[in-house]
């Protein structure tokens, strides 16, 4: 009998776009992890005599207004984007699981209070809320990660709550209660493992969103601060020279587009593979 993981992979690999997205993400991680070895130049090294040089064999993606190698800065910038995406989503997933599990398991007034709080959080435009908090606290990579994480957990909470409302009525949950098993053990050992499938899907989609938010914050000057490279602040620096140095905006824009698209394709593929109702369509 096939394991669940093998069944998941069998259905997942039928979606070629999702597999392509996974391959691109793996390549991105390899590049980010080996940026120090791949980068031909120090990303912070300035050489004014080489400023705004177009792509060439010496500088694959050209140079910026300070003569810094764009290819090297892009490689190191990938670390920032991927780390922000995964750390922020890890924070939001932890908060969302906790809130959703408590609301779905206990129900009644606890569920009402927590879900009304979720509704209030959803009333605020996420990006402007993040922008306001970062502006008040001051921009830094750590603060950007935390702020994105604590303002994007509501969707996960709703998914987990819905799963718990269904699973708490199943026979295995009722049997555990009858045996006197503690609520915390029932929640985290019996119900939660069966409620994680939609969380994996939303996590991959949220990583893409977090990368976009970080790029937007850096573009506006509230994210990663220069001279540290990120795709967003490379775009910001290239905005002034958009007609004279097209490579300063095109290449980081393409990197953001490809990365976000890959995570979205991966999320769609996981959703199709995990949902039995969608498996027969491919």
Protein backbone atom coordinates (compact mmCIF):
# COMPACT_ATOMS: atom_id res chain seq x y z
CA UNK A 1 0.00 0.00 0.00
CA UNK A 2 1.41 3.40 -0.99
CA UNK A 3 2.29 5.92 1.70
CA UNK A 4 0.48 9.26 1.71
CA UNK A 5 3.67 11.01 0.65
CA UNK A 6 4.03 8.78 -2.43
CA UNK A 7 0.39 9.33 -3.34
CA UNK A 8 0.85 13.08 -2.97
CA UNK A 9 3.94 13.07 -5.19
CA UNK A 10 2.21 10.89 -7.80
CA UNK A 11 -0.59 13.40 -8.20
CA UNK A 12 1.65 16.44 -7.78
CA UNK A 13 4.07 15.49 -10.57
CA UNK A 14 1.21 15.35 -13.06
CA UNK A 15 1.06 19.15 -12.84
CA UNK A 16 4.06 20.18 -14.92
CA UNK A 17 3.74 23.86 -14.04
CA UNK A 18 3.83 23.05 -10.33
CA UNK A 19 6.88 20.81 -10.80
CA UNK A 20 8.53 23.61 -12.76
CA UNK A 21 7.78 26.00 -9.91
CA UNK A 22 9.33 23.58 -7.42
CA UNK A 23 12.47 23.25 -9.57
CA UNK A 24 12.84 27.03 -9.79
CA UNK A 25 12.43 27.39 -6.01
CA UNK A 26 15.08 24.74 -5.36
CA UNK A 27 17.43 26.53 -7.77
CA UNK A 28 16.74 29.83 -5.97
CA UNK A 29 17.65 28.25 -2.64
CA UNK A 30 20.85 26.80 -4.04
CA UNK A 31 21.79 30.20 -5.49
CA UNK A 32 20.98 32.02 -2.25
CA UNK A 33 22.94 29.51 -0.18
CA UNK A 34 26.01 29.67 -2.41
CA UNK A 35 25.89 33.41 -3.22
CA UNK A 36 29.25 33.96 -1.52
CA UNK A 37 30.89 31.49 -3.88
CA UNK A 38 28.99 32.36 -7.07
CA UNK A 39 29.17 36.16 -6.87
CA UNK A 40 32.10 37.43 -8.97
CA UNK A 41 32.35 40.70 -6.99
CA UNK A 42 31.78 42.05 -3.52
CA UNK A 43 28.16 43.36 -3.64
CA UNK A 44 29.16 46.46 -1.68
CA UNK A 45 32.29 47.32 -3.64
CA UNK A 46 31.97 50.66 -5.44
CA UNK A 47 33.90 51.67 -8.54
CA UNK A 48 32.65 55.01 -9.82
CA UNK A 49 34.58 54.72 -13.09
CA UNK A 50 32.38 51.69 -13.96
CA UNK A 51 29.02 53.25 -13.08
CA UNK A 52 25.93 52.46 -15.19
CA UNK A 53 27.72 50.01 -17.48
CA UNK A 54 25.34 47.80 -19.49
CA UNK A 55 25.39 43.98 -19.23
CA UNK A 56 28.62 42.50 -20.54
CA UNK A 57 30.94 39.55 -20.06
CA UNK A 58 32.67 41.48 -17.27
CA UNK A 59 29.44 42.42 -15.50
CA UNK A 60 26.70 39.98 -16.48
CA UNK A 61 23.80 42.22 -15.41
CA UNK A 62 25.59 45.56 -15.68
CA UNK A 63 26.52 47.97 -12.90
CA UNK A 64 24.58 50.54 -10.88
CA UNK A 65 25.11 54.25 -10.27
CA UNK A 66 28.00 53.54 -7.89
CA UNK A 67 29.70 51.01 -10.14
CA UNK A 68 28.58 48.02 -8.06
CA UNK A 69 28.01 44.72 -9.88
CA UNK A 70 24.25 44.15 -10.21
CA UNK A 71 24.62 40.38 -10.66
CA UNK A 72 26.44 40.05 -7.32
CA UNK A 73 23.89 42.28 -5.58
CA UNK A 74 21.05 40.23 -7.05
CA UNK A 75 22.57 37.01 -5.72
CA UNK A 76 22.90 38.38 -2.19
CA UNK A 77 19.49 40.03 -2.48
CA UNK A 78 17.92 36.59 -3.04
CA UNK A 79 18.95 35.67 0.50
CA UNK A 80 16.99 38.60 1.87
CA UNK A 81 13.84 37.90 -0.13
CA UNK A 82 13.74 34.17 0.64
CA UNK A 83 14.59 34.60 4.32
CA UNK A 84 11.92 37.27 4.76
CA UNK A 85 9.38 35.08 3.01
CA UNK A 86 10.02 31.97 5.08
CA UNK A 87 10.57 33.57 8.49
CA UNK A 88 7.51 35.81 8.14
CA UNK A 89 5.35 32.87 7.05
CA UNK A 90 6.68 30.70 9.88
CA UNK A 91 5.58 33.36 12.37
CA UNK A 92 2.16 33.79 10.74
CA UNK A 93 1.61 30.02 10.52
CA UNK A 94 2.39 29.54 14.23
CA UNK A 95 -0.01 32.31 15.27
CA UNK A 96 -2.69 31.18 12.83
CA UNK A 97 -2.52 27.53 13.93
CA UNK A 98 -2.74 28.48 17.60
CA UNK A 99 -5.70 30.84 17.17
CA UNK A 100 -7.53 28.58 14.72
CA UNK A 101 -7.02 25.44 16.83
CA UNK A 102 -8.32 27.06 20.02
CA UNK A 103 -11.30 28.63 18.24
CA UNK A 104 -12.25 25.46 16.37
CA UNK A 105 -11.76 23.04 19.27
CA UNK A 106 -13.50 24.93 22.07
CA UNK A 107 -16.13 26.75 20.01
CA UNK A 108 -18.85 28.77 21.73
CA UNK A 109 -17.85 32.17 23.12
CA UNK A 110 -14.13 31.51 22.67
CA UNK A 111 -14.69 30.91 18.97
CA UNK A 112 -16.88 34.03 18.70
CA UNK A 113 -14.32 36.28 20.41
CA UNK A 114 -11.34 35.00 18.41
CA UNK A 115 -13.14 35.10 15.06
CA UNK A 116 -14.40 38.64 15.67
CA UNK A 117 -10.79 39.62 16.36
CA UNK A 118 -9.81 37.98 13.06
CA UNK A 119 -12.57 39.93 11.31
CA UNK A 120 -11.27 43.19 12.81
CA UNK A 121 -7.73 42.40 11.64
CA UNK A 122 -9.02 41.66 8.15
CA UNK A 123 -10.68 45.08 8.00
CA UNK A 124 -7.30 46.81 7.86
CA UNK A 125 -5.48 46.88 4.51
CA UNK A 126 -2.53 44.60 5.25
CA UNK A 127 0.14 46.50 3.33
CA UNK A 128 -0.75 49.87 4.85
CA UNK A 129 -0.88 48.33 8.33
CA UNK A 130 2.58 46.84 7.80
CA UNK A 131 3.84 50.12 6.35
CA UNK A 132 2.54 52.07 9.37
CA UNK A 133 4.06 49.70 11.93
CA UNK A 134 7.45 49.60 10.17
CA UNK A 135 7.44 53.41 9.87
CA UNK A 136 6.80 53.72 13.62
CA UNK A 137 9.33 51.08 14.70
CA UNK A 138 11.99 51.92 12.13
CA UNK A 139 13.09 49.84 9.13
CA UNK A 140 15.26 46.75 9.57
CA UNK A 141 15.28 43.21 8.20
CA UNK A 142 14.25 41.63 11.51
CA UNK A 143 11.38 44.08 12.06
CA UNK A 144 10.12 43.56 8.52
CA UNK A 145 10.01 39.77 9.08
CA UNK A 146 8.18 40.07 12.39
CA UNK A 147 5.70 42.70 11.25
CA UNK A 148 4.76 40.78 8.09
CA UNK A 149 4.34 37.63 10.19
CA UNK A 150 2.09 39.14 12.87
CA UNK A 151 -0.16 40.85 10.32
CA UNK A 152 -0.77 37.94 7.94
CA UNK A 153 -1.94 35.01 10.10
CA UNK A 154 -5.71 35.50 9.70
CA UNK A 155 -6.17 33.29 6.64
CA UNK A 156 -4.35 30.39 8.29
CA UNK A 157 -6.47 30.79 11.43
CA UNK A 158 -9.66 30.49 9.38
CA UNK A 159 -8.43 27.38 7.53
CA UNK A 160 -7.36 25.64 10.75
CA UNK A 161 -10.59 26.59 12.55
CA UNK A 162 -12.68 25.10 9.74
CA UNK A 163 -10.71 21.84 9.88
CA UNK A 164 -10.99 21.64 13.68
CA UNK A 165 -14.75 22.22 13.62
CA UNK A 166 -15.03 19.10 11.44
CA UNK A 167 -12.38 16.93 13.07
CA UNK A 168 -13.46 17.51 16.69
CA UNK A 169 -16.66 15.56 15.96
CA UNK A 170 -14.85 12.53 14.50
CA UNK A 171 -14.79 9.21 16.33
CA UNK A 172 -11.06 9.29 17.14
CA UNK A 173 -11.47 12.68 18.88
CA UNK A 174 -14.49 11.54 20.87
CA UNK A 175 -12.66 8.35 21.87
CA UNK A 176 -9.68 10.37 23.12
CA UNK A 177 -12.00 12.56 25.18
CA UNK A 178 -13.72 9.50 26.63
CA UNK A 179 -10.34 8.13 27.72
CA UNK A 180 -9.63 11.37 29.59
CA UNK A 181 -6.85 12.61 27.32
CA UNK A 182 -5.93 16.25 28.00
CA UNK A 183 -7.23 18.87 25.60
CA UNK A 184 -3.73 20.04 24.67
CA UNK A 185 -2.74 16.50 23.65
CA UNK A 186 -5.92 16.03 21.63
CA UNK A 187 -5.36 19.33 19.84
CA UNK A 188 -1.68 18.91 18.98
CA UNK A 189 -1.30 15.12 18.73
CA UNK A 190 -4.64 13.93 17.35
CA UNK A 191 -6.41 16.72 15.47
CA UNK A 192 -3.67 19.09 14.25
CA UNK A 193 -1.73 16.53 12.11
CA UNK A 194 -4.99 15.86 10.22
CA UNK A 195 -5.65 19.59 9.72
CA UNK A 196 -2.30 20.62 8.23
CA UNK A 197 -2.99 19.92 4.54
CA UNK A 198 -4.59 23.32 3.76
CA UNK A 199 -1.94 25.01 5.90
CA UNK A 200 0.85 23.76 3.60
CA UNK A 201 -0.98 25.17 0.60
CA UNK A 202 -1.62 28.58 2.14
CA UNK A 203 1.97 28.70 3.43
CA UNK A 204 3.45 28.46 -0.06
CA UNK A 205 1.11 31.18 -1.32
CA UNK A 206 1.90 33.35 1.71
CA UNK A 207 5.65 33.09 1.03
CA UNK A 208 5.03 34.66 -2.37
CA UNK A 209 2.97 37.42 -0.76
CA UNK A 210 5.64 38.09 1.87
CA UNK A 211 8.33 38.40 -0.81
CA UNK A 212 6.17 40.94 -2.66
CA UNK A 213 5.52 42.90 0.54
CA UNK A 214 9.23 43.02 1.40
CA UNK A 215 10.04 44.18 -2.12
CA UNK A 216 7.37 46.85 -1.85
CA UNK A 217 8.64 48.05 1.53
CA UNK A 218 12.23 48.15 0.30
CA UNK A 219 11.11 50.00 -2.82
CA UNK A 220 9.48 52.65 -0.61
CA UNK A 221 12.54 52.84 1.64
CA UNK A 222 11.00 51.10 4.68
CA UNK A 223 12.50 47.66 4.18
CA UNK A 224 16.12 46.51 3.98
CA UNK A 225 18.32 49.58 4.15
CA UNK A 226 21.23 50.27 1.77
CA UNK A 227 23.99 49.33 1.31
CA UNK A 228 22.59 45.87 2.10
CA UNK A 229 21.19 44.55 -1.21
CA UNK A 230 17.62 43.39 -1.72
CA UNK A 231 15.60 43.12 -4.90
CA UNK A 232 13.32 45.90 -3.71
CA UNK A 233 16.00 48.50 -3.00
CA UNK A 234 17.85 47.63 -6.24
CA UNK A 235 14.60 48.54 -7.99
CA UNK A 236 14.41 51.77 -6.00
CA UNK A 237 17.95 52.78 -6.94
CA UNK A 238 17.25 52.02 -10.61
CA UNK A 239 14.06 54.08 -10.70
CA UNK A 240 16.03 57.31 -11.20
CA UNK A 241 17.90 55.83 -14.16
CA UNK A 242 15.02 53.89 -15.73
CA UNK A 243 15.58 55.42 -19.18
CA UNK A 244 19.39 55.35 -19.04
CA UNK A 245 20.00 52.02 -17.28
CA UNK A 246 17.09 49.67 -17.95
CA UNK A 247 18.89 46.71 -16.41
CA UNK A 248 18.58 48.19 -12.91
CA UNK A 249 14.81 47.70 -12.98
CA UNK A 250 14.29 44.84 -15.44
CA UNK A 251 16.45 42.20 -13.77
CA UNK A 252 15.27 42.60 -10.14
CA UNK A 253 11.70 42.91 -11.43
CA UNK A 254 12.07 39.64 -13.33
CA UNK A 255 13.60 37.94 -10.27
CA UNK A 256 10.61 38.97 -8.13
CA UNK A 257 8.16 37.92 -10.84
CA UNK A 258 9.72 34.49 -11.39
CA UNK A 259 10.06 33.74 -7.67
CA UNK A 260 6.53 34.78 -6.77
CA UNK A 261 5.08 32.95 -9.78
CA UNK A 262 6.99 29.78 -8.83
CA UNK A 263 5.62 29.80 -5.28
CA UNK A 264 2.10 30.40 -6.58
CA UNK A 265 2.41 27.50 -9.04
CA UNK A 266 3.75 25.26 -6.26
CA UNK A 267 0.84 26.22 -4.02
CA UNK A 268 -1.70 25.49 -6.76
CA UNK A 269 -0.07 22.13 -7.43
CA UNK A 270 -0.15 21.18 -3.75
CA UNK A 271 -3.79 22.21 -3.50
CA UNK A 272 -4.73 20.01 -6.45
CA UNK A 273 -2.71 17.06 -5.15
CA UNK A 274 -4.08 17.29 -1.60
CA UNK A 275 -7.74 17.71 -2.58
CA UNK A 276 -9.26 14.39 -3.76
CA UNK A 277 -11.98 16.31 -5.63
CA UNK A 278 -9.37 17.98 -7.87
CA UNK A 279 -7.11 14.98 -8.53
CA UNK A 280 -9.19 13.57 -11.35
CA UNK A 281 -9.00 16.78 -13.37
CA UNK A 282 -5.38 16.23 -14.41
